């Protein structure tokens, strides 16, 4: 990783905390460096990483994720929103600060480590043998470029695709008049959009660049996302989590593919 840039892990697993009847407490640590970012942003990332570690402990498996870098600036808003969805309660037990050198030739930068006590939904366990991989054909797109996604489940599955904008609006992707519910055989690759349809990267009006995210959800049984969202094609993260929580954790797998769009 470029020392001048900072990476963020985007993770999803389990049921949202507001859907849990109880939770289990975990103590974890999270660290971050204030490398060309504010100390406040570094602290937020440290808390998010500690929260992710707690969810991993609860699930008993490594959470699948993706890494994205944006011009040396932390992408905290979306990732923290996702992390908060699985933490019912949390409290900071203490902080330690120091300095760290990313390389012998670089100056030391401030580092922040938090000890976090988090109560994670007791229903957060998923099926470790039911996984999903998702990738884009590029990491950085020019506005107007065609986008192609590749998803591969570890077993037979139905796959739905969603787009998360930089301002945290979620859109369910359709081809024609149909939602992106594709049936895929075990270990086969699912390409989106299907032949004959297009998906293009766009920057928002007035913006020269944006970091956005695709989310794919694989389910063992068919789930009517379009009906669950009551025909809405765009909704906020809260609504997305509420609907996703209707699927048992052991019956779904999620994957994330972040990307950057730049105006030409």
C-alpha atoms as a PDB file:
ATOM      1  CA  UNK A   1       0.000   0.000   0.000  1.00  0.00           C
ATOM      2  CA  UNK A   2       1.227   3.501  -0.791  1.00  0.00           C
ATOM      3  CA  UNK A   3       2.435   4.955   2.544  1.00  0.00           C
ATOM      4  CA  UNK A   4       0.967   8.325   1.560  1.00  0.00           C
ATOM      5  CA  UNK A   5      -2.477   6.805   1.231  1.00  0.00           C
ATOM      6  CA  UNK A   6      -4.711   5.189   3.798  1.00  0.00           C
ATOM      7  CA  UNK A   7      -6.805   2.094   3.290  1.00  0.00           C
ATOM      8  CA  UNK A   8     -10.180   1.335   4.758  1.00  0.00           C
ATOM      9  CA  UNK A   9     -11.774  -2.058   5.202  1.00  0.00           C
ATOM     10  CA  UNK A  10     -15.446  -2.296   4.331  1.00  0.00           C
ATOM     11  CA  UNK A  11     -17.148  -5.229   5.990  1.00  0.00           C
ATOM     12  CA  UNK A  12     -20.569  -6.772   6.294  1.00  0.00           C
ATOM     13  CA  UNK A  13     -21.766  -9.752   8.297  1.00  0.00           C
ATOM     14  CA  UNK A  14     -24.588 -10.852  10.577  1.00  0.00           C
ATOM     15  CA  UNK A  15     -27.817  -9.144  11.566  1.00  0.00           C
ATOM     16  CA  UNK A  16     -28.202  -5.455  12.373  1.00  0.00           C
ATOM     17  CA  UNK A  17     -28.050  -4.736  16.080  1.00  0.00           C
ATOM     18  CA  UNK A  18     -31.490  -3.143  16.188  1.00  0.00           C
ATOM     19  CA  UNK A  19     -32.962  -6.482  15.107  1.00  0.00           C
ATOM     20  CA  UNK A  20     -31.270  -8.451  17.891  1.00  0.00           C
ATOM     21  CA  UNK A  21     -32.995  -9.392  21.133  1.00  0.00           C
ATOM     22  CA  UNK A  22     -29.674  -9.722  22.951  1.00  0.00           C
ATOM     23  CA  UNK A  23     -25.967  -9.331  22.385  1.00  0.00           C
ATOM     24  CA  UNK A  24     -22.594 -10.626  23.553  1.00  0.00           C
ATOM     25  CA  UNK A  25     -19.826  -8.415  24.926  1.00  0.00           C
ATOM     26  CA  UNK A  26     -16.302  -8.441  23.472  1.00  0.00           C
ATOM     27  CA  UNK A  27     -13.210  -6.389  24.232  1.00  0.00           C
ATOM     28  CA  UNK A  28     -11.063  -5.571  21.209  1.00  0.00           C
ATOM     29  CA  UNK A  29      -8.472  -3.076  20.018  1.00  0.00           C
ATOM     30  CA  UNK A  30      -8.322  -0.939  16.906  1.00  0.00           C
ATOM     31  CA  UNK A  31      -5.493   1.282  15.635  1.00  0.00           C
ATOM     32  CA  UNK A  32      -5.079   3.947  12.981  1.00  0.00           C
ATOM     33  CA  UNK A  33      -2.478   6.452  11.838  1.00  0.00           C
ATOM     34  CA  UNK A  34      -3.096  10.157  11.283  1.00  0.00           C
ATOM     35  CA  UNK A  35      -1.316  10.139   7.926  1.00  0.00           C
ATOM     36  CA  UNK A  36      -2.498  13.227   5.996  1.00  0.00           C
ATOM     37  CA  UNK A  37      -5.802  13.030   7.838  1.00  0.00           C
ATOM     38  CA  UNK A  38      -7.080  14.638  11.016  1.00  0.00           C
ATOM     39  CA  UNK A  39      -6.673  13.011  14.410  1.00  0.00           C
ATOM     40  CA  UNK A  40     -10.471  12.872  14.635  1.00  0.00           C
ATOM     41  CA  UNK A  41     -10.714  10.797  11.440  1.00  0.00           C
ATOM     42  CA  UNK A  42      -7.942   8.487  12.638  1.00  0.00           C
ATOM     43  CA  UNK A  43      -9.770   7.956  15.926  1.00  0.00           C
ATOM     44  CA  UNK A  44     -13.011   7.147  14.109  1.00  0.00           C
ATOM     45  CA  UNK A  45     -11.208   4.551  12.003  1.00  0.00           C
ATOM     46  CA  UNK A  46      -9.597   3.022  15.103  1.00  0.00           C
ATOM     47  CA  UNK A  47     -13.042   2.613  16.702  1.00  0.00           C
ATOM     48  CA  UNK A  48     -14.453   1.117  13.487  1.00  0.00           C
ATOM     49  CA  UNK A  49     -11.605  -1.414  13.299  1.00  0.00           C
ATOM     50  CA  UNK A  50     -12.128  -2.407  16.927  1.00  0.00           C
ATOM     51  CA  UNK A  51     -15.844  -2.862  16.200  1.00  0.00           C
ATOM     52  CA  UNK A  52     -15.054  -5.069  13.194  1.00  0.00           C
ATOM     53  CA  UNK A  53     -12.761  -7.191  15.354  1.00  0.00           C
ATOM     54  CA  UNK A  54     -15.614  -7.685  17.826  1.00  0.00           C
ATOM     55  CA  UNK A  55     -17.967  -8.841  15.059  1.00  0.00           C
ATOM     56  CA  UNK A  56     -15.300 -11.251  13.810  1.00  0.00           C
ATOM     57  CA  UNK A  57     -14.917 -12.716  17.300  1.00  0.00           C
ATOM     58  CA  UNK A  58     -18.666 -13.149  17.584  1.00  0.00           C
ATOM     59  CA  UNK A  59     -18.968 -14.856  14.210  1.00  0.00           C
ATOM     60  CA  UNK A  60     -15.951 -17.069  14.772  1.00  0.00           C
ATOM     61  CA  UNK A  61     -14.819 -16.556  11.180  1.00  0.00           C
ATOM     62  CA  UNK A  62     -12.867 -13.996   9.227  1.00  0.00           C
ATOM     63  CA  UNK A  63     -15.155 -11.390   7.693  1.00  0.00           C
ATOM     64  CA  UNK A  64     -14.799 -10.916   3.951  1.00  0.00           C
ATOM     65  CA  UNK A  65     -14.102  -7.364   2.932  1.00  0.00           C
ATOM     66  CA  UNK A  66     -12.534  -5.006   0.442  1.00  0.00           C
ATOM     67  CA  UNK A  67     -10.010  -2.217   0.589  1.00  0.00           C
ATOM     68  CA  UNK A  68     -10.292   1.191  -0.999  1.00  0.00           C
ATOM     69  CA  UNK A  69      -7.961   4.179  -1.108  1.00  0.00           C
ATOM     70  CA  UNK A  70      -9.101   7.685  -1.911  1.00  0.00           C
ATOM     71  CA  UNK A  71      -6.403  10.292  -2.451  1.00  0.00           C
ATOM     72  CA  UNK A  72      -4.949   9.921   1.057  1.00  0.00           C
ATOM     73  CA  UNK A  73      -8.351  10.680   2.598  1.00  0.00           C
ATOM     74  CA  UNK A  74     -10.182   8.282   4.893  1.00  0.00           C
ATOM     75  CA  UNK A  75     -13.554   7.053   3.690  1.00  0.00           C
ATOM     76  CA  UNK A  76     -15.072   6.835   7.156  1.00  0.00           C
ATOM     77  CA  UNK A  77     -18.756   7.553   6.727  1.00  0.00           C
ATOM     78  CA  UNK A  78     -19.949   4.452   4.859  1.00  0.00           C
ATOM     79  CA  UNK A  79     -17.716   1.983   6.666  1.00  0.00           C
ATOM     80  CA  UNK A  80     -18.673   3.258  10.115  1.00  0.00           C
ATOM     81  CA  UNK A  81     -22.358   3.174   9.185  1.00  0.00           C
ATOM     82  CA  UNK A  82     -21.925  -0.474   8.198  1.00  0.00           C
ATOM     83  CA  UNK A  83     -20.003  -1.317  11.365  1.00  0.00           C
ATOM     84  CA  UNK A  84     -22.544   0.387  13.616  1.00  0.00           C
ATOM     85  CA  UNK A  85     -25.265  -1.838  12.183  1.00  0.00           C
ATOM     86  CA  UNK A  86     -23.946  -4.829  14.109  1.00  0.00           C
ATOM     87  CA  UNK A  87     -23.002  -3.214  17.413  1.00  0.00           C
ATOM     88  CA  UNK A  88     -25.872  -2.867  19.883  1.00  0.00           C
ATOM     89  CA  UNK A  89     -23.778  -1.025  22.471  1.00  0.00           C
ATOM     90  CA  UNK A  90     -20.174   0.067  22.806  1.00  0.00           C
ATOM     91  CA  UNK A  91     -17.957   1.919  25.215  1.00  0.00           C
ATOM     92  CA  UNK A  92     -14.382   3.157  24.882  1.00  0.00           C
ATOM     93  CA  UNK A  93     -12.267   1.721  27.710  1.00  0.00           C
ATOM     94  CA  UNK A  94      -9.195   3.798  26.963  1.00  0.00           C
ATOM     95  CA  UNK A  95      -6.878   5.297  24.378  1.00  0.00           C
ATOM     96  CA  UNK A  96      -3.125   5.153  23.811  1.00  0.00           C
ATOM     97  CA  UNK A  97      -1.249   7.502  21.505  1.00  0.00           C
ATOM     98  CA  UNK A  98       2.184   7.320  19.984  1.00  0.00           C
ATOM     99  CA  UNK A  99       4.172   7.807  16.811  1.00  0.00           C
ATOM    100  CA  UNK A 100       4.901   5.362  14.012  1.00  0.00           C
ATOM    101  CA  UNK A 101       7.183   5.404  10.970  1.00  0.00           C
ATOM    102  CA  UNK A 102       5.693   3.829   7.866  1.00  0.00           C
ATOM    103  CA  UNK A 103       9.184   3.627   6.343  1.00  0.00           C
ATOM    104  CA  UNK A 104      12.733   4.516   7.458  1.00  0.00           C
ATOM    105  CA  UNK A 105      12.771   7.566   5.194  1.00  0.00           C
ATOM    106  CA  UNK A 106       9.364   8.905   6.196  1.00  0.00           C
ATOM    107  CA  UNK A 107       8.769  11.156   9.214  1.00  0.00           C
ATOM    108  CA  UNK A 108       6.966   9.654  12.196  1.00  0.00           C
ATOM    109  CA  UNK A 109       3.200  10.115  12.220  1.00  0.00           C
ATOM    110  CA  UNK A 110       0.745  10.061  15.146  1.00  0.00           C
ATOM    111  CA  UNK A 111      -0.921   6.744  15.902  1.00  0.00           C
ATOM    112  CA  UNK A 112      -4.069   6.083  17.934  1.00  0.00           C
ATOM    113  CA  UNK A 113      -5.181   2.823  19.551  1.00  0.00           C
ATOM    114  CA  UNK A 114      -8.495   2.309  21.309  1.00  0.00           C
ATOM    115  CA  UNK A 115      -9.605  -0.465  23.646  1.00  0.00           C
ATOM    116  CA  UNK A 116     -13.296  -0.977  22.896  1.00  0.00           C
ATOM    117  CA  UNK A 117     -15.989  -2.945  24.699  1.00  0.00           C
ATOM    118  CA  UNK A 118     -18.720  -3.856  22.201  1.00  0.00           C
ATOM    119  CA  UNK A 119     -21.964  -5.801  22.500  1.00  0.00           C
ATOM    120  CA  UNK A 120     -22.488  -7.663  19.225  1.00  0.00           C
ATOM    121  CA  UNK A 121     -25.741  -9.244  18.102  1.00  0.00           C
ATOM    122  CA  UNK A 122     -25.779 -12.857  19.244  1.00  0.00           C
ATOM    123  CA  UNK A 123     -27.342 -13.743  15.895  1.00  0.00           C
ATOM    124  CA  UNK A 124     -24.316 -12.528  13.934  1.00  0.00           C
ATOM    125  CA  UNK A 125     -22.977 -15.997  13.080  1.00  0.00           C
ATOM    126  CA  UNK A 126     -23.036 -16.895   9.393  1.00  0.00           C
ATOM    127  CA  UNK A 127     -22.311 -20.067   7.438  1.00  0.00           C
ATOM    128  CA  UNK A 128     -18.499 -20.115   7.010  1.00  0.00           C
ATOM    129  CA  UNK A 129     -18.908 -22.444   4.009  1.00  0.00           C
ATOM    130  CA  UNK A 130     -21.306 -20.108   2.203  1.00  0.00           C
ATOM    131  CA  UNK A 131     -19.237 -17.225   0.849  1.00  0.00           C
ATOM    132  CA  UNK A 132     -19.323 -14.786  -2.029  1.00  0.00           C
ATOM    133  CA  UNK A 133     -16.576 -12.997  -3.958  1.00  0.00           C
ATOM    134  CA  UNK A 134     -17.255  -9.779  -5.855  1.00  0.00           C
ATOM    135  CA  UNK A 135     -14.944  -7.737  -8.080  1.00  0.00           C
ATOM    136  CA  UNK A 136     -15.100  -4.878 -10.582  1.00  0.00           C
ATOM    137  CA  UNK A 137     -13.199  -4.851 -13.865  1.00  0.00           C
ATOM    138  CA  UNK A 138     -11.467  -1.602 -12.817  1.00  0.00           C
ATOM    139  CA  UNK A 139     -10.570   0.135  -9.577  1.00  0.00           C
ATOM    140  CA  UNK A 140     -10.834   3.636 -11.075  1.00  0.00           C
ATOM    141  CA  UNK A 141     -13.367   4.537 -13.794  1.00  0.00           C
ATOM    142  CA  UNK A 142     -13.765   7.637 -15.918  1.00  0.00           C
ATOM    143  CA  UNK A 143     -17.279   9.039 -15.864  1.00  0.00           C
ATOM    144  CA  UNK A 144     -19.208   7.309 -18.635  1.00  0.00           C
ATOM    145  CA  UNK A 145     -17.165   4.090 -18.591  1.00  0.00           C
ATOM    146  CA  UNK A 146     -18.980   0.783 -18.724  1.00  0.00           C
ATOM    147  CA  UNK A 147     -18.819  -1.165 -15.459  1.00  0.00           C
ATOM    148  CA  UNK A 148     -18.663  -4.938 -15.293  1.00  0.00           C
ATOM    149  CA  UNK A 149     -19.001  -6.953 -12.084  1.00  0.00           C
ATOM    150  CA  UNK A 150     -18.025 -10.546 -11.439  1.00  0.00           C
ATOM    151  CA  UNK A 151     -19.498 -12.496  -8.522  1.00  0.00           C
ATOM    152  CA  UNK A 152     -18.778 -16.090  -7.547  1.00  0.00           C
ATOM    153  CA  UNK A 153     -20.592 -17.932  -4.735  1.00  0.00           C
ATOM    154  CA  UNK A 154     -19.186 -20.976  -2.958  1.00  0.00           C
ATOM    155  CA  UNK A 155     -22.448 -22.873  -3.532  1.00  0.00           C
ATOM    156  CA  UNK A 156     -25.654 -22.619  -5.585  1.00  0.00           C
ATOM    157  CA  UNK A 157     -27.176 -19.223  -4.906  1.00  0.00           C
ATOM    158  CA  UNK A 158     -29.383 -16.383  -6.022  1.00  0.00           C
ATOM    159  CA  UNK A 159     -27.442 -13.134  -6.324  1.00  0.00           C
ATOM    160  CA  UNK A 160     -28.719  -9.556  -6.077  1.00  0.00           C
ATOM    161  CA  UNK A 161     -26.666  -6.434  -6.749  1.00  0.00           C
ATOM    162  CA  UNK A 162     -26.832  -3.026  -5.057  1.00  0.00           C
ATOM    163  CA  UNK A 163     -25.025   0.265  -5.463  1.00  0.00           C
ATOM    164  CA  UNK A 164     -24.072   2.504  -2.498  1.00  0.00           C
ATOM    165  CA  UNK A 165     -23.382   6.125  -3.381  1.00  0.00           C
ATOM    166  CA  UNK A 166     -20.884   8.323  -1.566  1.00  0.00           C
ATOM    167  CA  UNK A 167     -23.770   9.952   0.333  1.00  0.00           C
ATOM    168  CA  UNK A 168     -24.922   6.486   1.525  1.00  0.00           C
ATOM    169  CA  UNK A 169     -27.970   6.065  -0.693  1.00  0.00           C
ATOM    170  CA  UNK A 170     -28.527   2.451  -1.722  1.00  0.00           C
ATOM    171  CA  UNK A 171     -29.952   1.514  -5.120  1.00  0.00           C
ATOM    172  CA  UNK A 172     -31.073  -1.960  -6.121  1.00  0.00           C
ATOM    173  CA  UNK A 173     -29.772  -2.636  -9.629  1.00  0.00           C
ATOM    174  CA  UNK A 174     -32.161  -3.783 -12.321  1.00  0.00           C
ATOM    175  CA  UNK A 175     -31.695  -4.971 -15.880  1.00  0.00           C
ATOM    176  CA  UNK A 176     -34.658  -4.008 -18.001  1.00  0.00           C
ATOM    177  CA  UNK A 177     -37.731  -4.240 -15.803  1.00  0.00           C
ATOM    178  CA  UNK A 178     -36.326  -7.039 -13.653  1.00  0.00           C
ATOM    179  CA  UNK A 179     -34.301  -6.920 -10.414  1.00  0.00           C
ATOM    180  CA  UNK A 180     -30.844  -8.439 -10.520  1.00  0.00           C
ATOM    181  CA  UNK A 181     -31.771 -11.792  -9.052  1.00  0.00           C
ATOM    182  CA  UNK A 182     -29.569 -14.278 -10.909  1.00  0.00           C
ATOM    183  CA  UNK A 183     -29.306 -17.964 -10.124  1.00  0.00           C
ATOM    184  CA  UNK A 184     -25.711 -19.186 -10.119  1.00  0.00           C
ATOM    185  CA  UNK A 185     -24.322 -22.679  -9.675  1.00  0.00           C
ATOM    186  CA  UNK A 186     -21.649 -23.482  -7.105  1.00  0.00           C
ATOM    187  CA  UNK A 187     -18.263 -21.866  -7.898  1.00  0.00           C
ATOM    188  CA  UNK A 188     -19.556 -20.512 -11.227  1.00  0.00           C
ATOM    189  CA  UNK A 189     -18.961 -16.885 -12.112  1.00  0.00           C
ATOM    190  CA  UNK A 190     -21.906 -14.524 -12.411  1.00  0.00           C
ATOM    191  CA  UNK A 191     -21.326 -11.532 -14.688  1.00  0.00           C
ATOM    192  CA  UNK A 192     -23.296  -8.329 -14.260  1.00  0.00           C
ATOM    193  CA  UNK A 193     -24.832  -6.669 -16.137  1.00  0.00           C
ATOM    194  CA  UNK A 194     -26.109  -9.493 -18.367  1.00  0.00           C
ATOM    195  CA  UNK A 195     -25.342  -9.458 -22.093  1.00  0.00           C
ATOM    196  CA  UNK A 196     -27.360  -6.771 -23.845  1.00  0.00           C
ATOM    197  CA  UNK A 197     -27.552  -4.446 -20.844  1.00  0.00           C
ATOM    198  CA  UNK A 198     -25.222  -1.699 -19.677  1.00  0.00           C
ATOM    199  CA  UNK A 199     -24.053  -0.239 -16.368  1.00  0.00           C
ATOM    200  CA  UNK A 200     -22.066   2.996 -16.432  1.00  0.00           C
ATOM    201  CA  UNK A 201     -20.020   4.866 -13.864  1.00  0.00           C
ATOM    202  CA  UNK A 202     -21.051   8.481 -13.280  1.00  0.00           C
ATOM    203  CA  UNK A 203     -19.883  11.301 -11.067  1.00  0.00           C
ATOM    204  CA  UNK A 204     -22.543  13.361  -9.310  1.00  0.00           C
ATOM    205  CA  UNK A 205     -23.359  16.813 -10.756  1.00  0.00           C
ATOM    206  CA  UNK A 206     -20.747  19.321  -9.640  1.00  0.00           C
ATOM    207  CA  UNK A 207     -18.267  16.657  -8.489  1.00  0.00           C
ATOM    208  CA  UNK A 208     -15.038  15.659 -10.190  1.00  0.00           C
ATOM    209  CA  UNK A 209     -14.641  12.348  -8.385  1.00  0.00           C
ATOM    210  CA  UNK A 210     -16.439   9.984  -6.040  1.00  0.00           C
ATOM    211  CA  UNK A 211     -15.815   6.758  -4.133  1.00  0.00           C
ATOM    212  CA  UNK A 212     -18.763   4.406  -4.361  1.00  0.00           C
ATOM    213  CA  UNK A 213     -19.486   0.776  -3.616  1.00  0.00           C
ATOM    214  CA  UNK A 214     -21.224  -2.244  -5.094  1.00  0.00           C
ATOM    215  CA  UNK A 215     -22.726  -4.804  -2.727  1.00  0.00           C
ATOM    216  CA  UNK A 216     -23.739  -8.292  -3.824  1.00  0.00           C
ATOM    217  CA  UNK A 217     -25.936 -10.526  -1.684  1.00  0.00           C
ATOM    218  CA  UNK A 218     -26.097 -14.265  -2.308  1.00  0.00           C
ATOM    219  CA  UNK A 219     -29.009 -16.209  -0.805  1.00  0.00           C
ATOM    220  CA  UNK A 220     -29.561 -19.939  -0.600  1.00  0.00           C
ATOM    221  CA  UNK A 221     -33.254 -19.468  -1.309  1.00  0.00           C
ATOM    222  CA  UNK A 222     -34.928 -16.884  -3.517  1.00  0.00           C
ATOM    223  CA  UNK A 223     -35.678 -13.674  -1.626  1.00  0.00           C
ATOM    224  CA  UNK A 224     -37.918 -10.957  -3.068  1.00  0.00           C
ATOM    225  CA  UNK A 225     -35.828  -7.848  -2.414  1.00  0.00           C
ATOM    226  CA  UNK A 226     -37.944  -5.757  -4.787  1.00  0.00           C
ATOM    227  CA  UNK A 227     -41.086  -6.684  -2.880  1.00  0.00           C
ATOM    228  CA  UNK A 228     -39.398  -6.160   0.483  1.00  0.00           C
ATOM    229  CA  UNK A 229     -38.396  -2.643  -0.600  1.00  0.00           C
ATOM    230  CA  UNK A 230     -41.995  -2.092  -1.769  1.00  0.00           C
ATOM    231  CA  UNK A 231     -40.965  -1.239  -5.299  1.00  0.00           C
ATOM    232  CA  UNK A 232     -38.493   1.465  -4.266  1.00  0.00           C
ATOM    233  CA  UNK A 233     -35.274   1.431  -6.242  1.00  0.00           C
ATOM    234  CA  UNK A 234     -33.424   3.816  -3.892  1.00  0.00           C
ATOM    235  CA  UNK A 235     -33.344   3.779  -0.076  1.00  0.00           C
ATOM    236  CA  UNK A 236     -31.034   4.571   2.838  1.00  0.00           C
ATOM    237  CA  UNK A 237     -28.678   2.211   4.648  1.00  0.00           C
ATOM    238  CA  UNK A 238     -31.101   1.769   7.535  1.00  0.00           C
ATOM    239  CA  UNK A 239     -33.773   0.398   5.188  1.00  0.00           C
ATOM    240  CA  UNK A 240     -31.173  -1.785   3.488  1.00  0.00           C
ATOM    241  CA  UNK A 241     -30.126  -3.360   6.793  1.00  0.00           C
ATOM    242  CA  UNK A 242     -33.731  -3.801   7.903  1.00  0.00           C
ATOM    243  CA  UNK A 243     -34.576  -5.768   4.767  1.00  0.00           C
ATOM    244  CA  UNK A 244     -31.339  -7.766   4.779  1.00  0.00           C
ATOM    245  CA  UNK A 245     -32.060  -8.783   8.382  1.00  0.00           C
ATOM    246  CA  UNK A 246     -35.145 -10.669   7.191  1.00  0.00           C
ATOM    247  CA  UNK A 247     -32.804 -13.285   5.704  1.00  0.00           C
ATOM    248  CA  UNK A 248     -31.278 -15.684   8.262  1.00  0.00           C
ATOM    249  CA  UNK A 249     -27.533 -15.043   8.588  1.00  0.00           C
ATOM    250  CA  UNK A 250     -26.702 -18.641   7.713  1.00  0.00           C
ATOM    251  CA  UNK A 251     -28.699 -18.340   4.490  1.00  0.00           C
ATOM    252  CA  UNK A 252     -26.929 -15.334   2.999  1.00  0.00           C
ATOM    253  CA  UNK A 253     -23.464 -14.147   2.077  1.00  0.00           C
ATOM    254  CA  UNK A 254     -22.405 -10.600   1.274  1.00  0.00           C
ATOM    255  CA  UNK A 255     -19.489  -9.108  -0.620  1.00  0.00           C
ATOM    256  CA  UNK A 256     -18.369  -5.553  -1.341  1.00  0.00           C
ATOM    257  CA  UNK A 257     -16.467  -3.971  -4.248  1.00  0.00           C
ATOM    258  CA  UNK A 258     -15.533  -0.284  -3.831  1.00  0.00           C
ATOM    259  CA  UNK A 259     -14.468   1.807  -6.803  1.00  0.00           C
ATOM    260  CA  UNK A 260     -13.572   5.366  -7.728  1.00  0.00           C
ATOM    261  CA  UNK A 261     -15.126   7.482 -10.490  1.00  0.00           C
ATOM    262  CA  UNK A 262     -13.383  10.512 -11.983  1.00  0.00           C
ATOM    263  CA  UNK A 263     -14.812  13.032 -14.400  1.00  0.00           C
ATOM    264  CA  UNK A 264     -12.992  13.200 -17.695  1.00  0.00           C
END
